[in-house]
Amino acid sequence: MKGADEVLLVIDVQNDFMPRGALPVAHGDEVVPVINRLASAFSHVVLTQDWHPAKHVSFAEHHPGRAPFDMATLSYGQQVLWPTHCVQDTDGAALHRDLHVPHARLVIRKGHHVDVDSYSAFMEADRKTPTGLTGYLRDVGAKRVYCCGLATDYCVAWSALDARSAGFEAVVIDDACRAIDLDGSLARAWEQMTAAGVSRIGSTDLLR
């Protein structure tokens, strides 16, 4: 069992990111059994959920003449316009039914501010609105954050980078993640994470 100062951060394992969801991540469902095995080795697990209001600014449907995956300039910078997904209190926003982490201590809901998107578990996309996770982890004495879930090149990468910025060691469990890989986004994410000192490991090596 991992020590109390090591946290497994399980990111956005939700129905809308599954292969038949509104914003599918290819093979996204394959992470569920891997994460279940990982979670059993951690005493401290934190979950995140994308949790958007129906009129969220990142949804392409609210930008006339624009299509999903177009880029738009919003008040806080460049934003991918997404298909409507993970709307609050819908089945799409629910955690995958086979995800089994009964001992998870905290669920962080992100993206609930209507005017700003949120990829990171630590900070909204305006880069100034915190989710509260940094303070929580410091309060409980966490030192290392292991990141897994969906998607590698967006919410996982942003979370790992922000974990490093907040002073934690950050590790991405590669086979417990899947990527969207939009126009080379996966390669860019790994370049950024490597440069920031984020480590990369497989679940088999971690569970030895």
C-alpha atoms as a PDB file:
ATOM      1  CA  MET A   1       0.000   0.000   0.000  1.00  0.00           C
ATOM      2  CA  LYS A   2       1.303   3.446  -0.969  1.00  0.00           C
ATOM      3  CA  GLY A   3       2.054   5.836   1.857  1.00  0.00           C
ATOM      4  CA  ALA A   4      -0.236   8.589   3.083  1.00  0.00           C
ATOM      5  CA  ASP A   5       1.869  11.231   1.322  1.00  0.00           C
ATOM      6  CA  GLU A   6       1.254   9.627  -2.092  1.00  0.00           C
ATOM      7  CA  VAL A   7      -2.057  10.393  -3.803  1.00  0.00           C
ATOM      8  CA  LEU A   8      -3.712   8.747  -6.797  1.00  0.00           C
ATOM      9  CA  LEU A   9      -5.545  11.435  -8.791  1.00  0.00           C
ATOM     10  CA  VAL A  10      -8.200   9.816 -11.010  1.00  0.00           C
ATOM     11  CA  ILE A  11      -9.230  12.316 -13.660  1.00  0.00           C
ATOM     12  CA  ASP A  12     -12.602  12.476 -15.432  1.00  0.00           C
ATOM     13  CA  VAL A  13     -13.451   8.779 -15.848  1.00  0.00           C
ATOM     14  CA  GLN A  14     -16.940   9.776 -16.976  1.00  0.00           C
ATOM     15  CA  ASN A  15     -19.482   8.398 -19.406  1.00  0.00           C
ATOM     16  CA  ASP A  16     -19.231  11.231 -21.931  1.00  0.00           C
ATOM     17  CA  PHE A  17     -15.525  10.478 -22.422  1.00  0.00           C
ATOM     18  CA  MET A  18     -16.168   6.806 -23.142  1.00  0.00           C
ATOM     19  CA  PRO A  19     -16.278   5.428 -26.725  1.00  0.00           C
ATOM     20  CA  ARG A  20     -20.041   5.985 -27.035  1.00  0.00           C
ATOM     21  CA  GLY A  21     -20.074   9.293 -25.180  1.00  0.00           C
ATOM     22  CA  ALA A  22     -20.573  12.855 -26.346  1.00  0.00           C
ATOM     23  CA  LEU A  23     -16.829  13.568 -26.425  1.00  0.00           C
ATOM     24  CA  PRO A  24     -15.350  10.112 -26.878  1.00  0.00           C
ATOM     25  CA  VAL A  25     -11.740   9.316 -26.091  1.00  0.00           C
ATOM     26  CA  ALA A  26     -10.692   6.309 -28.161  1.00  0.00           C
ATOM     27  CA  HIS A  27     -10.427   3.220 -25.926  1.00  0.00           C
ATOM     28  CA  GLY A  28     -11.250   5.377 -22.910  1.00  0.00           C
ATOM     29  CA  ASP A  29     -13.084   2.508 -21.240  1.00  0.00           C
ATOM     30  CA  GLU A  30      -9.858   0.488 -21.149  1.00  0.00           C
ATOM     31  CA  VAL A  31      -8.524   2.615 -18.289  1.00  0.00           C
ATOM     32  CA  VAL A  32     -11.270   1.553 -15.865  1.00  0.00           C
ATOM     33  CA  PRO A  33      -9.921  -1.886 -14.835  1.00  0.00           C
ATOM     34  CA  VAL A  34      -6.378  -0.525 -14.698  1.00  0.00           C
ATOM     35  CA  ILE A  35      -7.445   2.311 -12.401  1.00  0.00           C
ATOM     36  CA  ASN A  36      -9.401  -0.089 -10.195  1.00  0.00           C
ATOM     37  CA  ARG A  37      -6.235  -2.149  -9.690  1.00  0.00           C
ATOM     38  CA  LEU A  38      -4.190   0.957  -8.996  1.00  0.00           C
ATOM     39  CA  ALA A  39      -6.701   2.347  -6.525  1.00  0.00           C
ATOM     40  CA  SER A  40      -6.480  -0.776  -4.406  1.00  0.00           C
ATOM     41  CA  ALA A  41      -2.794   0.003  -3.837  1.00  0.00           C
ATOM     42  CA  PHE A  42      -3.411   3.556  -2.616  1.00  0.00           C
ATOM     43  CA  SER A  43      -4.879   4.546   0.725  1.00  0.00           C
ATOM     44  CA  HIS A  44      -5.413   8.069  -0.585  1.00  0.00           C
ATOM     45  CA  VAL A  45      -7.402   8.578  -3.799  1.00  0.00           C
ATOM     46  CA  VAL A  46      -8.938  11.775  -5.193  1.00  0.00           C
ATOM     47  CA  LEU A  47     -11.421  11.786  -8.101  1.00  0.00           C
ATOM     48  CA  THR A  48     -12.324  14.592 -10.502  1.00  0.00           C
ATOM     49  CA  GLN A  49     -15.439  15.196 -12.561  1.00  0.00           C
ATOM     50  CA  ASP A  50     -15.986  17.571 -15.454  1.00  0.00           C
ATOM     51  CA  TRP A  51     -19.201  19.306 -14.328  1.00  0.00           C
ATOM     52  CA  HIS A  52     -20.431  21.884 -16.828  1.00  0.00           C
ATOM     53  CA  PRO A  53     -23.559  24.025 -16.750  1.00  0.00           C
ATOM     54  CA  ALA A  54     -25.662  23.575 -19.897  1.00  0.00           C
ATOM     55  CA  LYS A  55     -24.698  27.001 -21.249  1.00  0.00           C
ATOM     56  CA  HIS A  56     -20.955  26.539 -20.749  1.00  0.00           C
ATOM     57  CA  VAL A  57     -18.750  28.857 -22.793  1.00  0.00           C
ATOM     58  CA  SER A  58     -16.617  26.001 -24.170  1.00  0.00           C
ATOM     59  CA  PHE A  59     -19.528  24.336 -25.972  1.00  0.00           C
ATOM     60  CA  ALA A  60     -19.472  24.905 -29.745  1.00  0.00           C
ATOM     61  CA  GLU A  61     -23.272  25.092 -29.860  1.00  0.00           C
ATOM     62  CA  HIS A  62     -23.121  28.468 -28.095  1.00  0.00           C
ATOM     63  CA  HIS A  63     -20.889  29.993 -30.782  1.00  0.00           C
ATOM     64  CA  PRO A  64     -22.954  30.556 -33.955  1.00  0.00           C
ATOM     65  CA  GLY A  65     -21.191  29.455 -37.108  1.00  0.00           C
ATOM     66  CA  ARG A  66     -18.555  27.497 -35.220  1.00  0.00           C
ATOM     67  CA  ALA A  67     -18.126  23.720 -35.123  1.00  0.00           C
ATOM     68  CA  PRO A  68     -16.798  21.361 -32.484  1.00  0.00           C
ATOM     69  CA  PHE A  69     -12.990  21.399 -32.279  1.00  0.00           C
ATOM     70  CA  ASP A  70     -12.733  24.894 -33.798  1.00  0.00           C
ATOM     71  CA  MET A  71     -10.545  27.311 -31.873  1.00  0.00           C
ATOM     72  CA  ALA A  72     -11.970  30.484 -30.389  1.00  0.00           C
ATOM     73  CA  THR A  73     -10.465  33.451 -28.570  1.00  0.00           C
ATOM     74  CA  LEU A  74     -12.253  33.937 -25.263  1.00  0.00           C
ATOM     75  CA  SER A  75     -11.625  36.396 -22.448  1.00  0.00           C
ATOM     76  CA  TYR A  76      -8.920  34.186 -20.941  1.00  0.00           C
ATOM     77  CA  GLY A  77      -7.219  33.101 -24.180  1.00  0.00           C
ATOM     78  CA  GLN A  78      -7.459  30.396 -26.809  1.00  0.00           C
ATOM     79  CA  GLN A  79     -10.139  27.776 -26.278  1.00  0.00           C
ATOM     80  CA  VAL A  80     -11.059  24.589 -28.125  1.00  0.00           C
ATOM     81  CA  LEU A  81     -14.803  24.571 -28.739  1.00  0.00           C
ATOM     82  CA  TRP A  82     -16.054  21.188 -27.597  1.00  0.00           C
ATOM     83  CA  PRO A  83     -19.164  19.136 -28.268  1.00  0.00           C
ATOM     84  CA  THR A  84     -21.607  19.562 -25.399  1.00  0.00           C
ATOM     85  CA  HIS A  85     -20.465  17.115 -22.723  1.00  0.00           C
ATOM     86  CA  CYS A  86     -20.523  16.352 -18.989  1.00  0.00           C
ATOM     87  CA  VAL A  87     -23.498  18.595 -18.317  1.00  0.00           C
ATOM     88  CA  GLN A  88     -24.314  18.763 -14.623  1.00  0.00           C
ATOM     89  CA  ASP A  89     -26.657  16.075 -13.319  1.00  0.00           C
ATOM     90  CA  THR A  90     -26.764  14.074 -16.562  1.00  0.00           C
ATOM     91  CA  ASP A  91     -25.770  10.482 -17.172  1.00  0.00           C
ATOM     92  CA  GLY A  92     -22.922  11.690 -19.371  1.00  0.00           C
ATOM     93  CA  ALA A  93     -21.368  13.496 -16.419  1.00  0.00           C
ATOM     94  CA  ALA A  94     -21.601  10.450 -14.158  1.00  0.00           C
ATOM     95  CA  LEU A  95     -18.539   8.397 -13.309  1.00  0.00           C
ATOM     96  CA  HIS A  96     -18.245   5.139 -15.255  1.00  0.00           C
ATOM     97  CA  ARG A  97     -20.393   2.530 -13.556  1.00  0.00           C
ATOM     98  CA  ASP A  98     -17.513   0.036 -13.324  1.00  0.00           C
ATOM     99  CA  LEU A  99     -15.123   2.479 -11.663  1.00  0.00           C
ATOM    100  CA  HIS A 100     -14.744   1.071  -8.162  1.00  0.00           C
ATOM    101  CA  VAL A 101     -12.973   3.375  -5.731  1.00  0.00           C
ATOM    102  CA  PRO A 102     -15.151   3.289  -2.615  1.00  0.00           C
ATOM    103  CA  HIS A 103     -12.366   4.672  -0.430  1.00  0.00           C
ATOM    104  CA  ALA A 104     -11.858   7.860  -2.480  1.00  0.00           C
ATOM    105  CA  ARG A 105     -11.566  10.740  -0.031  1.00  0.00           C
ATOM    106  CA  LEU A 106     -12.474  13.691  -2.236  1.00  0.00           C
ATOM    107  CA  VAL A 107     -14.283  14.481  -5.493  1.00  0.00           C
ATOM    108  CA  ILE A 108     -13.220  17.704  -7.220  1.00  0.00           C
ATOM    109  CA  ARG A 109     -15.794  19.066  -9.674  1.00  0.00           C
ATOM    110  CA  LYS A 110     -14.309  21.361 -12.285  1.00  0.00           C
ATOM    111  CA  GLY A 111     -15.608  23.377 -15.210  1.00  0.00           C
ATOM    112  CA  HIS A 112     -18.671  24.461 -13.244  1.00  0.00           C
ATOM    113  CA  HIS A 113     -18.033  28.186 -13.863  1.00  0.00           C
ATOM    114  CA  VAL A 114     -20.101  29.048 -16.947  1.00  0.00           C
ATOM    115  CA  ASP A 115     -17.587  31.537 -18.400  1.00  0.00           C
ATOM    116  CA  VAL A 116     -14.320  29.590 -18.108  1.00  0.00           C
ATOM    117  CA  ASP A 117     -13.254  26.080 -19.001  1.00  0.00           C
ATOM    118  CA  SER A 118     -11.225  23.839 -16.736  1.00  0.00           C
ATOM    119  CA  TYR A 119      -8.873  21.034 -17.685  1.00  0.00           C
ATOM    120  CA  SER A 120      -6.649  20.927 -14.636  1.00  0.00           C
ATOM    121  CA  ALA A 121      -7.743  19.454 -11.323  1.00  0.00           C
ATOM    122  CA  PHE A 122      -5.868  22.340  -9.658  1.00  0.00           C
ATOM    123  CA  MET A 123      -6.679  25.500 -11.613  1.00  0.00           C
ATOM    124  CA  GLU A 124      -9.308  26.737 -14.071  1.00  0.00           C
ATOM    125  CA  ALA A 125      -8.233  27.645 -17.604  1.00  0.00           C
ATOM    126  CA  ASP A 126      -8.068  31.344 -16.743  1.00  0.00           C
ATOM    127  CA  ARG A 127      -5.006  30.304 -14.694  1.00  0.00           C
ATOM    128  CA  LYS A 128      -6.162  32.265 -11.648  1.00  0.00           C
ATOM    129  CA  THR A 129      -9.239  30.468 -10.269  1.00  0.00           C
ATOM    130  CA  PRO A 130      -8.210  27.579  -7.994  1.00  0.00           C
ATOM    131  CA  THR A 131     -10.262  24.435  -7.446  1.00  0.00           C
ATOM    132  CA  GLY A 132      -9.004  24.054  -3.868  1.00  0.00           C
ATOM    133  CA  LEU A 133      -7.058  20.859  -4.555  1.00  0.00           C
ATOM    134  CA  THR A 134      -3.652  22.437  -3.928  1.00  0.00           C
ATOM    135  CA  GLY A 135      -4.627  23.543  -0.424  1.00  0.00           C
ATOM    136  CA  TYR A 136      -6.232  20.212   0.367  1.00  0.00           C
ATOM    137  CA  LEU A 137      -3.144  18.234  -0.664  1.00  0.00           C
ATOM    138  CA  ARG A 138      -0.856  20.502   1.332  1.00  0.00           C
ATOM    139  CA  ASP A 139      -3.091  20.212   4.375  1.00  0.00           C
ATOM    140  CA  VAL A 140      -2.977  16.403   4.308  1.00  0.00           C
ATOM    141  CA  GLY A 141       0.793  16.286   3.763  1.00  0.00           C
ATOM    142  CA  ALA A 142       0.828  14.959   0.203  1.00  0.00           C
ATOM    143  CA  LYS A 143       4.176  14.997  -1.561  1.00  0.00           C
ATOM    144  CA  ARG A 144       3.664  12.948  -4.734  1.00  0.00           C
ATOM    145  CA  VAL A 145       0.649  12.920  -7.070  1.00  0.00           C
ATOM    146  CA  TYR A 146       0.088  10.026  -9.477  1.00  0.00           C
ATOM    147  CA  CYS A 147      -2.180  11.101 -12.342  1.00  0.00           C
ATOM    148  CA  CYS A 148      -4.380   8.829 -14.442  1.00  0.00           C
ATOM    149  CA  GLY A 149      -7.635   8.993 -16.409  1.00  0.00           C
ATOM    150  CA  LEU A 150      -8.875  11.005 -19.364  1.00  0.00           C
ATOM    151  CA  ALA A 151      -7.535  12.498 -21.450  1.00  0.00           C
ATOM    152  CA  THR A 152      -3.745  12.324 -21.379  1.00  0.00           C
ATOM    153  CA  ASP A 153      -3.186  15.402 -23.519  1.00  0.00           C
ATOM    154  CA  TYR A 154      -5.731  17.654 -21.832  1.00  0.00           C
ATOM    155  CA  CYS A 155      -6.988  17.163 -18.292  1.00  0.00           C
ATOM    156  CA  VAL A 156      -4.281  14.685 -17.233  1.00  0.00           C
ATOM    157  CA  ALA A 157      -1.428  16.777 -18.646  1.00  0.00           C
ATOM    158  CA  TRP A 158      -2.734  20.068 -17.278  1.00  0.00           C
ATOM    159  CA  SER A 159      -3.212  18.470 -13.861  1.00  0.00           C
ATOM    160  CA  ALA A 160       0.286  16.975 -13.828  1.00  0.00           C
ATOM    161  CA  LEU A 161       1.840  20.289 -14.871  1.00  0.00           C
ATOM    162  CA  ASP A 162      -0.085  22.166 -12.197  1.00  0.00           C
ATOM    163  CA  ALA A 163       0.896  19.590  -9.589  1.00  0.00           C
ATOM    164  CA  ARG A 164       4.525  20.339 -10.408  1.00  0.00           C
ATOM    165  CA  SER A 165       3.906  24.094 -10.321  1.00  0.00           C
ATOM    166  CA  ALA A 166       2.361  23.693  -6.867  1.00  0.00           C
ATOM    167  CA  GLY A 167       5.499  21.938  -5.615  1.00  0.00           C
ATOM    168  CA  PHE A 168       4.420  18.308  -5.696  1.00  0.00           C
ATOM    169  CA  GLU A 169       6.201  15.459  -7.425  1.00  0.00           C
ATOM    170  CA  ALA A 170       4.033  14.402 -10.377  1.00  0.00           C
ATOM    171  CA  VAL A 171       3.858  11.043 -12.118  1.00  0.00           C
ATOM    172  CA  VAL A 172       1.622  10.066 -15.052  1.00  0.00           C
ATOM    173  CA  ILE A 173       0.644   6.385 -15.185  1.00  0.00           C
ATOM    174  CA  ASP A 174       0.776   5.951 -18.944  1.00  0.00           C
ATOM    175  CA  ASP A 175      -1.358   2.841 -19.453  1.00  0.00           C
ATOM    176  CA  ALA A 176      -4.045   4.186 -17.092  1.00  0.00           C
ATOM    177  CA  CYS A 177      -4.675   7.098 -19.492  1.00  0.00           C
ATOM    178  CA  ARG A 178      -5.939   7.551 -23.051  1.00  0.00           C
ATOM    179  CA  ALA A 179      -5.587  10.612 -25.284  1.00  0.00           C
ATOM    180  CA  ILE A 180      -7.714  12.658 -27.659  1.00  0.00           C
ATOM    181  CA  ASP A 181      -4.598  13.549 -29.717  1.00  0.00           C
ATOM    182  CA  LEU A 182      -6.062  16.510 -31.569  1.00  0.00           C
ATOM    183  CA  ASP A 183      -3.592  17.850 -34.159  1.00  0.00           C
ATOM    184  CA  GLY A 184      -0.520  16.521 -32.366  1.00  0.00           C
ATOM    185  CA  SER A 185      -1.703  17.477 -28.886  1.00  0.00           C
ATOM    186  CA  LEU A 186      -0.419  14.263 -27.287  1.00  0.00           C
ATOM    187  CA  ALA A 187       3.181  14.768 -28.405  1.00  0.00           C
ATOM    188  CA  ARG A 188       3.088  18.398 -27.313  1.00  0.00           C
ATOM    189  CA  ALA A 189       1.686  17.440 -23.926  1.00  0.00           C
ATOM    190  CA  TRP A 190       4.455  14.929 -23.299  1.00  0.00           C
ATOM    191  CA  GLU A 191       7.093  17.461 -24.338  1.00  0.00           C
ATOM    192  CA  GLN A 192       5.700  19.954 -21.836  1.00  0.00           C
ATOM    193  CA  MET A 193       5.370  17.395 -19.066  1.00  0.00           C
ATOM    194  CA  THR A 194       8.880  16.034 -19.570  1.00  0.00           C
ATOM    195  CA  ALA A 195      10.325  19.557 -19.558  1.00  0.00           C
ATOM    196  CA  ALA A 196       8.492  20.290 -16.299  1.00  0.00           C
ATOM    197  CA  GLY A 197       9.873  17.204 -14.575  1.00  0.00           C
ATOM    198  CA  VAL A 198       6.753  15.037 -14.699  1.00  0.00           C
ATOM    199  CA  SER A 199       7.675  11.345 -14.508  1.00  0.00           C
ATOM    200  CA  ARG A 200       6.123   8.583 -16.596  1.00  0.00           C
ATOM    201  CA  ILE A 201       5.481   5.051 -15.401  1.00  0.00           C
ATOM    202  CA  GLY A 202       3.399   1.993 -16.259  1.00  0.00           C
ATOM    203  CA  SER A 203       0.932   0.476 -13.831  1.00  0.00           C
ATOM    204  CA  THR A 204       2.769  -2.876 -13.773  1.00  0.00           C
ATOM    205  CA  ASP A 205       5.982  -1.217 -12.611  1.00  0.00           C
ATOM    206  CA  LEU A 206       4.112   0.830 -10.033  1.00  0.00           C
ATOM    207  CA  LEU A 207       2.309  -2.187  -8.558  1.00  0.00           C
ATOM    208  CA  ARG A 208       5.382  -4.401  -8.191  1.00  0.00           C
END
